[in-house]
Amino acid sequence: MKPQRPTLFATLLLTLLVLGGTSVAQAALTPPKAVSPAMNESVPFGDAVVFAMTPEPGRLCSEYFVALDKHADEPHVGPRFEHPSCSVVVALGSELRADAEHTWRVWRNCTGPACNGPGDGWHRSARRTFHLDGPVIRTIPKDGDRVRDLAFPIELSMNALVAGSSFEIRVSSTSTLDALGKLAQPARVVPASPSASEPNSHLALITGLEPGVYYWQWVRKASACGSSATDCPGPVLRLLLDPSGTLPALDVTAPRVRPLSAKGRPGKKLKLRYSVLEDQGQGQVTVWIYKGSKARKRWRIWLGRVEPRKVFHVMWRPRKAGRYRLCTRARDGAKNTSKKRCARVTVAARTA
């Protein structure tokens, strides 16, 4: 029995080393977790977005920072998470824009071999992408309202989208749209100013219009249009300035959108195509990529003037091989919504 004691002692020592090594490895591989907003979540419009995270064991919330969009994949000292809630509030209009995709990541300044950032001194969580939805728009007057007294200026207003945004009101006697979806032949283009009585509303005063049927539209300027470099037009509304006249027919036909099947390779850009048919020449299309029942990616595209049989596309870089679905749904300016339709997308690894 005595010769076996060193062997038993060595076995116990080896077991302790293995367990200790496992504990150290597990601690080193426990990254901070970005909790909310979740991956591909649609965040409703509000004054701000609240980010929440779960720290590494033994760490304080105040050691972590949130990095947004272009800074998500590089060390960046952004807003600090607060203790003890492990949350941070980011206001709209400062770093976040409505109706746009955003990416966020949690970072901690750290030292040692456990750090997994792109350089020494940083530890990072997984990336998270979410969509900040646009707000519900309130307009006065509503579509189809009549103005009976033309002796006073006509007041057109809408609730503000993003704090500090700039708007203009376009009024036209025709509903023709340009390539960006704005009224192409406006009789008036008036900058909208914040309302003194309602801080969340912008208004414009229009004078000098003859009796008749007009179309009006608010346009958000490019500086507040998310990643877009162009203006963001709103829906076209009808306005009757002659109480004895009649309004044109409402747009009751939903747009038709058809996704097209596609094939690609992992890591390579893939063009996802879809066709749109809209009788009034404008609309918004939502495009999804699904893996099973989970949405992997989503785009929201404003379509200005939609020509018959025109094919649009978005670009996607798949990371893994597999079978996916490209799904689309469209909505026009009168809020007529099409059915959701899907097509197959095959991403196949290159065989030797």
Protein backbone atom coordinates (compact mmCIF):
# COMPACT_ATOMS: atom_id res chain seq x y z
CA MET A 1 0.00 0.00 0.00
CA LYS A 2 2.88 2.41 0.76
CA PRO A 3 4.17 2.56 -2.85
CA GLN A 4 0.71 3.67 -3.94
CA ARG A 5 0.68 6.83 -1.76
CA PRO A 6 2.85 8.99 -4.06
CA THR A 7 0.68 7.93 -6.96
CA LEU A 8 -2.48 8.85 -5.05
CA PHE A 9 -0.97 12.18 -3.98
CA ALA A 10 0.06 12.97 -7.54
CA THR A 11 -3.42 12.09 -8.76
CA LEU A 12 -5.04 14.42 -6.23
CA LEU A 13 -2.58 17.20 -7.09
CA LEU A 14 -3.26 16.79 -10.81
CA THR A 15 -7.01 16.86 -10.18
CA LEU A 16 -6.71 20.11 -8.21
CA LEU A 17 -4.59 21.66 -10.96
CA VAL A 18 -7.11 20.64 -13.60
CA LEU A 19 -10.00 22.03 -11.59
CA GLY A 20 -8.09 25.22 -10.88
CA GLY A 21 -7.15 25.57 -14.52
CA THR A 22 -10.75 25.04 -15.58
CA SER A 23 -11.92 27.71 -13.15
CA VAL A 24 -9.37 30.19 -14.47
CA ALA A 25 -10.26 29.37 -18.08
CA GLN A 26 -13.93 29.78 -17.40
CA ALA A 27 -13.34 33.15 -15.73
CA ALA A 28 -11.24 34.28 -18.67
CA LEU A 29 -13.91 33.25 -21.17
CA THR A 30 -16.83 34.98 -19.43
CA PRO A 31 -17.43 38.17 -21.44
CA PRO A 32 -19.83 40.96 -20.54
CA LYS A 33 -23.29 40.38 -21.98
CA ALA A 34 -25.29 42.95 -23.93
CA VAL A 35 -28.87 42.25 -22.80
CA SER A 36 -31.24 44.93 -24.10
CA PRO A 37 -32.04 45.83 -26.85
CA ALA A 38 -31.77 42.22 -28.02
CA MET A 39 -30.47 41.06 -31.38
CA ASN A 40 -32.75 42.19 -34.26
CA GLU A 41 -35.23 43.72 -31.81
CA SER A 42 -37.58 46.48 -32.95
CA VAL A 43 -37.37 49.30 -30.42
CA PRO A 44 -40.40 51.63 -30.36
CA PHE A 45 -39.84 55.33 -30.86
CA GLY A 46 -39.41 57.42 -27.72
CA ASP A 47 -37.30 60.18 -26.23
CA ALA A 48 -34.38 57.82 -25.53
CA VAL A 49 -33.20 54.21 -25.70
CA VAL A 50 -32.21 52.35 -22.53
CA PHE A 51 -29.31 49.90 -22.88
CA ALA A 52 -28.82 47.16 -20.29
CA MET A 53 -26.02 44.64 -19.78
CA THR A 54 -24.79 41.88 -17.46
CA PRO A 55 -21.21 42.33 -16.19
CA GLU A 56 -18.52 39.72 -15.73
CA PRO A 57 -18.37 38.06 -12.30
CA GLY A 58 -16.84 40.34 -9.72
CA ARG A 59 -17.06 43.47 -11.90
CA LEU A 60 -18.96 46.71 -11.31
CA CYS A 61 -21.37 48.18 -13.86
CA SER A 62 -19.46 51.44 -13.79
CA GLU A 63 -16.44 49.73 -15.40
CA TYR A 64 -18.29 49.28 -18.71
CA PHE A 65 -19.11 51.57 -21.62
CA VAL A 66 -21.53 51.27 -24.53
CA ALA A 67 -20.19 51.76 -28.07
CA LEU A 68 -22.64 52.58 -30.86
CA ASP A 69 -22.70 52.16 -34.63
CA LYS A 70 -19.36 53.14 -36.18
CA HIS A 71 -17.58 52.74 -32.82
CA ALA A 72 -19.12 49.33 -32.08
CA ASP A 73 -16.15 47.37 -33.43
CA GLU A 74 -13.36 49.49 -31.98
CA PRO A 75 -12.41 50.52 -28.43
CA HIS A 76 -14.42 53.60 -27.64
CA VAL A 77 -15.24 55.31 -24.38
CA GLY A 78 -18.92 56.06 -24.81
CA PRO A 79 -21.66 56.49 -22.20
CA ARG A 80 -20.84 54.64 -18.98
CA PHE A 81 -23.21 52.06 -17.49
CA GLU A 82 -24.64 53.14 -14.17
CA HIS A 83 -24.33 51.27 -10.91
CA PRO A 84 -26.20 49.24 -9.70
CA SER A 85 -28.74 48.96 -12.54
CA CYS A 86 -26.18 48.21 -15.27
CA SER A 87 -28.10 50.46 -17.67
CA VAL A 88 -27.38 53.61 -19.63
CA VAL A 89 -29.76 56.05 -21.37
CA VAL A 90 -28.93 57.44 -24.81
CA ALA A 91 -31.15 60.26 -26.07
CA LEU A 92 -32.48 60.46 -29.61
CA GLY A 93 -31.08 63.23 -31.74
CA SER A 94 -27.64 63.01 -30.14
CA GLU A 95 -26.31 59.63 -31.29
CA LEU A 96 -29.41 57.65 -32.27
CA ARG A 97 -31.77 58.36 -35.16
CA ALA A 98 -35.27 57.07 -35.69
CA ASP A 99 -36.26 54.62 -38.41
CA ALA A 100 -32.71 53.24 -38.73
CA GLU A 101 -30.59 50.18 -37.90
CA HIS A 102 -28.13 50.55 -35.02
CA THR A 103 -25.34 48.37 -33.66
CA TRP A 104 -24.12 48.38 -30.08
CA ARG A 105 -21.50 46.62 -28.00
CA VAL A 106 -20.28 46.62 -24.39
CA TRP A 107 -16.61 47.37 -23.70
CA ARG A 108 -14.46 47.23 -20.56
CA ASN A 109 -10.93 48.44 -20.13
CA CYS A 110 -8.96 45.44 -18.86
CA THR A 111 -5.45 44.00 -18.70
CA GLY A 112 -3.99 40.54 -19.05
CA PRO A 113 -4.46 37.58 -21.39
CA ALA A 114 -8.23 37.45 -20.79
CA CYS A 115 -8.80 40.62 -22.82
CA ASN A 116 -10.30 39.82 -26.23
CA GLY A 117 -10.49 43.25 -27.82
CA PRO A 118 -8.61 44.35 -30.94
CA GLY A 119 -5.83 45.72 -28.74
CA ASP A 120 -4.43 45.42 -25.23
CA GLY A 121 -6.63 46.74 -22.49
CA TRP A 122 -10.13 45.99 -23.84
CA HIS A 123 -12.71 43.28 -23.19
CA ARG A 124 -15.85 43.20 -25.35
CA SER A 125 -19.28 41.60 -25.59
CA ALA A 126 -20.96 40.20 -28.68
CA ARG A 127 -22.35 42.73 -31.14
CA ARG A 128 -26.08 43.49 -31.11
CA THR A 129 -28.09 45.04 -33.93
CA PHE A 130 -31.55 46.56 -33.42
CA HIS A 131 -33.97 48.75 -35.36
CA LEU A 132 -35.19 52.00 -33.84
CA ASP A 133 -38.70 52.36 -35.24
CA GLY A 134 -40.07 55.63 -36.52
CA PRO A 135 -42.84 57.39 -34.60
CA VAL A 136 -46.52 57.57 -35.40
CA ILE A 137 -47.10 60.81 -37.28
CA ARG A 138 -49.95 63.15 -36.32
CA THR A 139 -50.87 65.71 -38.93
CA ILE A 140 -53.33 68.62 -38.82
CA PRO A 141 -55.41 68.81 -40.94
CA LYS A 142 -55.96 65.11 -41.61
CA ASP A 143 -56.08 63.59 -45.06
CA GLY A 144 -59.18 64.81 -46.90
CA ASP A 145 -60.08 67.66 -44.53
CA ARG A 146 -61.77 70.80 -45.89
CA VAL A 147 -60.80 74.42 -45.31
CA ARG A 148 -63.90 76.58 -45.66
CA ASP A 149 -62.57 79.97 -44.59
CA LEU A 150 -59.79 81.16 -46.88
CA ALA A 151 -59.54 84.59 -45.30
CA PHE A 152 -56.92 83.36 -42.84
CA PRO A 153 -53.59 81.55 -43.40
CA ILE A 154 -53.85 77.77 -43.59
CA GLU A 155 -51.99 76.12 -40.70
CA LEU A 156 -50.36 72.75 -41.49
CA SER A 157 -48.60 70.90 -38.69
CA MET A 158 -47.12 67.53 -37.73
CA ASN A 159 -45.65 66.14 -34.54
CA ALA A 160 -41.85 66.25 -34.43
CA LEU A 161 -39.89 63.08 -35.23
CA VAL A 162 -36.54 63.76 -33.60
CA ALA A 163 -35.54 66.58 -31.30
CA GLY A 164 -33.67 69.25 -33.20
CA SER A 165 -34.76 68.00 -36.63
CA SER A 166 -35.63 70.42 -39.41
CA PHE A 167 -38.66 70.07 -41.67
CA GLU A 168 -40.34 71.70 -44.61
CA ILE A 169 -43.91 71.60 -45.87
CA ARG A 170 -44.56 71.14 -49.59
CA VAL A 171 -47.95 72.00 -51.14
CA SER A 172 -48.84 71.16 -54.75
CA SER A 173 -51.86 71.08 -57.04
CA THR A 174 -50.72 67.69 -58.41
CA SER A 175 -49.68 64.46 -56.71
CA THR A 176 -46.69 63.89 -58.99
CA LEU A 177 -43.58 62.75 -57.09
CA ASP A 178 -39.92 63.09 -57.89
CA ALA A 179 -37.31 60.34 -57.64
CA LEU A 180 -37.03 60.79 -53.86
CA GLY A 181 -40.77 60.59 -53.24
CA LYS A 182 -41.29 64.34 -52.72
CA LEU A 183 -44.00 66.37 -54.42
CA ALA A 184 -42.36 67.28 -57.71
CA GLN A 185 -44.19 70.52 -58.58
CA PRO A 186 -44.85 72.33 -55.30
CA ALA A 187 -46.76 75.60 -55.36
CA ARG A 188 -45.34 76.37 -51.92
CA VAL A 189 -42.29 75.14 -49.99
CA VAL A 190 -42.36 76.53 -46.46
CA PRO A 191 -39.92 75.71 -43.61
CA ALA A 192 -41.74 74.36 -40.58
CA SER A 193 -41.12 75.98 -37.19
CA PRO A 194 -41.65 74.57 -33.68
CA SER A 195 -45.09 75.33 -32.32
CA ALA A 196 -45.21 77.69 -29.35
CA SER A 197 -48.24 75.92 -27.84
CA GLU A 198 -47.10 72.31 -28.55
CA PRO A 199 -43.33 71.84 -28.22
CA ASN A 200 -43.49 68.44 -29.94
CA SER A 201 -45.13 69.83 -33.09
CA HIS A 202 -43.88 71.76 -36.11
CA LEU A 203 -46.12 73.99 -38.20
CA ALA A 204 -46.16 76.15 -41.31
CA LEU A 205 -48.56 78.89 -42.40
CA ILE A 206 -49.64 78.85 -46.06
CA THR A 207 -51.26 81.83 -47.79
CA GLY A 208 -52.28 82.83 -51.32
CA LEU A 209 -53.80 79.52 -52.49
CA GLU A 210 -56.80 79.58 -54.82
CA PRO A 211 -59.82 77.33 -54.09
CA GLY A 212 -59.34 73.76 -55.24
CA VAL A 213 -57.79 70.41 -54.37
CA TYR A 214 -54.21 70.40 -53.10
CA TYR A 215 -51.71 67.85 -51.88
CA TRP A 216 -49.36 68.52 -49.01
CA GLN A 217 -46.45 66.69 -47.48
CA TRP A 218 -43.94 67.14 -44.68
CA VAL A 219 -40.30 66.45 -45.54
CA ARG A 220 -37.65 65.72 -42.93
CA LYS A 221 -34.28 67.16 -43.95
CA ALA A 222 -31.30 64.92 -44.68
CA SER A 223 -29.45 65.71 -41.45
CA ALA A 224 -32.11 63.81 -39.45
CA CYS A 225 -32.68 60.89 -41.83
CA GLY A 226 -30.49 58.24 -40.23
CA SER A 227 -27.90 56.75 -42.58
CA SER A 228 -29.58 58.32 -45.61
CA ALA A 229 -27.87 61.26 -47.29
CA THR A 230 -31.14 62.56 -48.75
CA ASP A 231 -34.35 64.08 -47.44
CA CYS A 232 -37.03 61.81 -45.96
CA PRO A 233 -40.50 62.61 -47.36
CA GLY A 234 -43.67 61.82 -45.47
CA PRO A 235 -46.98 60.59 -46.90
CA VAL A 236 -48.92 62.73 -49.37
CA LEU A 237 -52.15 64.14 -47.88
CA ARG A 238 -55.15 65.72 -49.63
CA LEU A 239 -56.57 69.12 -48.76
CA LEU A 240 -59.78 70.65 -50.17
CA LEU A 241 -59.97 74.46 -50.13
CA ASP A 242 -63.36 74.66 -51.84
CA PRO A 243 -66.33 73.50 -49.74
CA SER A 244 -68.40 72.97 -52.89
CA GLY A 245 -65.80 70.76 -54.58
CA THR A 246 -65.18 67.00 -54.38
CA LEU A 247 -62.10 65.11 -53.33
CA PRO A 248 -60.30 62.66 -55.62
CA ALA A 249 -60.73 59.00 -54.83
CA LEU A 250 -58.78 57.49 -51.99
CA ASP A 251 -55.88 55.17 -52.73
CA VAL A 252 -57.36 51.80 -51.70
CA THR A 253 -55.05 49.49 -53.64
CA ALA A 254 -52.15 47.98 -51.71
CA PRO A 255 -48.74 47.80 -53.39
CA ARG A 256 -47.52 44.46 -54.68
CA VAL A 257 -44.02 43.33 -53.86
CA ARG A 258 -42.43 40.05 -54.96
CA PRO A 259 -39.09 38.77 -53.60
CA LEU A 260 -36.84 36.85 -55.97
CA SER A 261 -34.86 33.75 -55.06
CA ALA A 262 -31.09 34.06 -54.75
CA LYS A 263 -27.92 31.98 -54.34
CA GLY A 264 -24.63 32.99 -52.77
CA ARG A 265 -21.49 32.03 -50.87
CA PRO A 266 -20.55 32.60 -47.22
CA GLY A 267 -18.54 35.78 -46.75
CA LYS A 268 -19.44 37.14 -50.20
CA LYS A 269 -21.84 40.00 -50.89
CA LEU A 270 -25.20 38.77 -52.17
CA LYS A 271 -27.73 40.92 -54.04
CA LEU A 272 -31.26 40.28 -52.75
CA ARG A 273 -33.74 41.46 -55.37
CA TYR A 274 -37.47 42.23 -55.22
CA SER A 275 -39.96 43.89 -57.54
CA VAL A 276 -42.58 46.47 -56.51
CA LEU A 277 -45.78 47.61 -58.20
CA GLU A 278 -47.61 50.64 -56.72
CA ASP A 279 -50.32 52.56 -58.55
CA GLN A 280 -49.64 55.87 -56.76
CA GLY A 281 -45.89 55.73 -57.30
CA GLN A 282 -44.63 55.71 -53.70
CA GLY A 283 -44.26 53.33 -50.81
CA GLN A 284 -42.06 51.80 -48.14
CA VAL A 285 -40.76 48.24 -48.27
CA THR A 286 -39.58 46.13 -45.34
CA VAL A 287 -37.14 43.34 -46.24
CA TRP A 288 -36.20 40.46 -43.95
CA ILE A 289 -33.73 37.57 -44.05
CA TYR A 290 -34.96 34.59 -42.02
CA LYS A 291 -33.14 31.50 -40.82
CA GLY A 292 -35.95 29.21 -39.75
CA SER A 293 -38.36 31.38 -37.77
CA LYS A 294 -35.74 33.90 -36.60
CA ALA A 295 -35.11 37.15 -38.45
CA ARG A 296 -31.37 37.56 -39.04
CA LYS A 297 -31.49 40.94 -40.79
CA ARG A 298 -34.03 43.62 -41.62
CA TRP A 299 -34.05 46.64 -43.93
CA ARG A 300 -36.63 49.42 -44.29
CA ILE A 301 -36.47 51.21 -47.63
CA TRP A 302 -38.40 54.28 -48.70
CA LEU A 303 -39.39 54.01 -52.34
CA GLY A 304 -39.90 57.33 -54.05
CA ARG A 305 -41.28 57.03 -57.55
CA VAL A 306 -42.00 53.38 -58.30
CA GLU A 307 -41.94 52.57 -61.99
CA PRO A 308 -43.76 49.47 -63.33
CA ARG A 309 -41.66 46.30 -63.33
CA LYS A 310 -38.76 48.00 -61.59
CA VAL A 311 -36.54 45.67 -59.56
CA PHE A 312 -34.88 46.89 -56.36
CA HIS A 313 -32.27 45.20 -54.22
CA VAL A 314 -30.43 45.22 -50.90
CA MET A 315 -26.94 43.86 -50.26
CA TRP A 316 -26.27 41.16 -47.67
CA ARG A 317 -23.09 39.33 -46.68
CA PRO A 318 -24.04 35.90 -45.24
CA ARG A 319 -21.67 34.49 -42.67
CA LYS A 320 -22.67 30.83 -42.79
CA ALA A 321 -23.92 28.38 -45.38
CA GLY A 322 -27.54 27.26 -45.15
CA ARG A 323 -31.07 27.79 -46.38
CA TYR A 324 -32.63 31.19 -45.71
CA ARG A 325 -35.80 33.04 -46.69
CA LEU A 326 -36.05 36.51 -48.23
CA CYS A 327 -39.35 38.06 -47.16
CA THR A 328 -40.88 41.39 -48.16
CA ARG A 329 -43.86 43.56 -47.31
CA ALA A 330 -44.78 46.99 -48.72
CA ARG A 331 -46.94 49.89 -47.54
CA ASP A 332 -47.96 52.96 -49.55
CA GLY A 333 -48.61 56.54 -48.48
CA ALA A 334 -52.29 55.74 -47.79
CA LYS A 335 -51.18 52.95 -45.41
CA ASN A 336 -52.40 50.14 -47.67
CA THR A 337 -50.24 47.14 -46.80
CA SER A 338 -49.34 44.18 -48.98
CA LYS A 339 -49.14 40.57 -47.91
CA LYS A 340 -45.83 39.23 -46.65
CA ARG A 341 -44.21 37.10 -49.34
CA CYS A 342 -41.03 35.03 -49.16
CA ALA A 343 -38.54 33.44 -51.55
CA ARG A 344 -35.74 30.94 -51.00
CA VAL A 345 -32.14 32.05 -50.50
CA THR A 346 -29.46 29.36 -50.67
CA VAL A 347 -25.98 30.02 -49.28
CA ALA A 348 -23.68 27.14 -50.24
CA ALA A 349 -20.06 26.62 -49.28
CA ARG A 350 -17.67 26.22 -52.18
CA THR A 351 -16.75 22.60 -52.71
CA ALA A 352 -13.23 21.57 -53.58
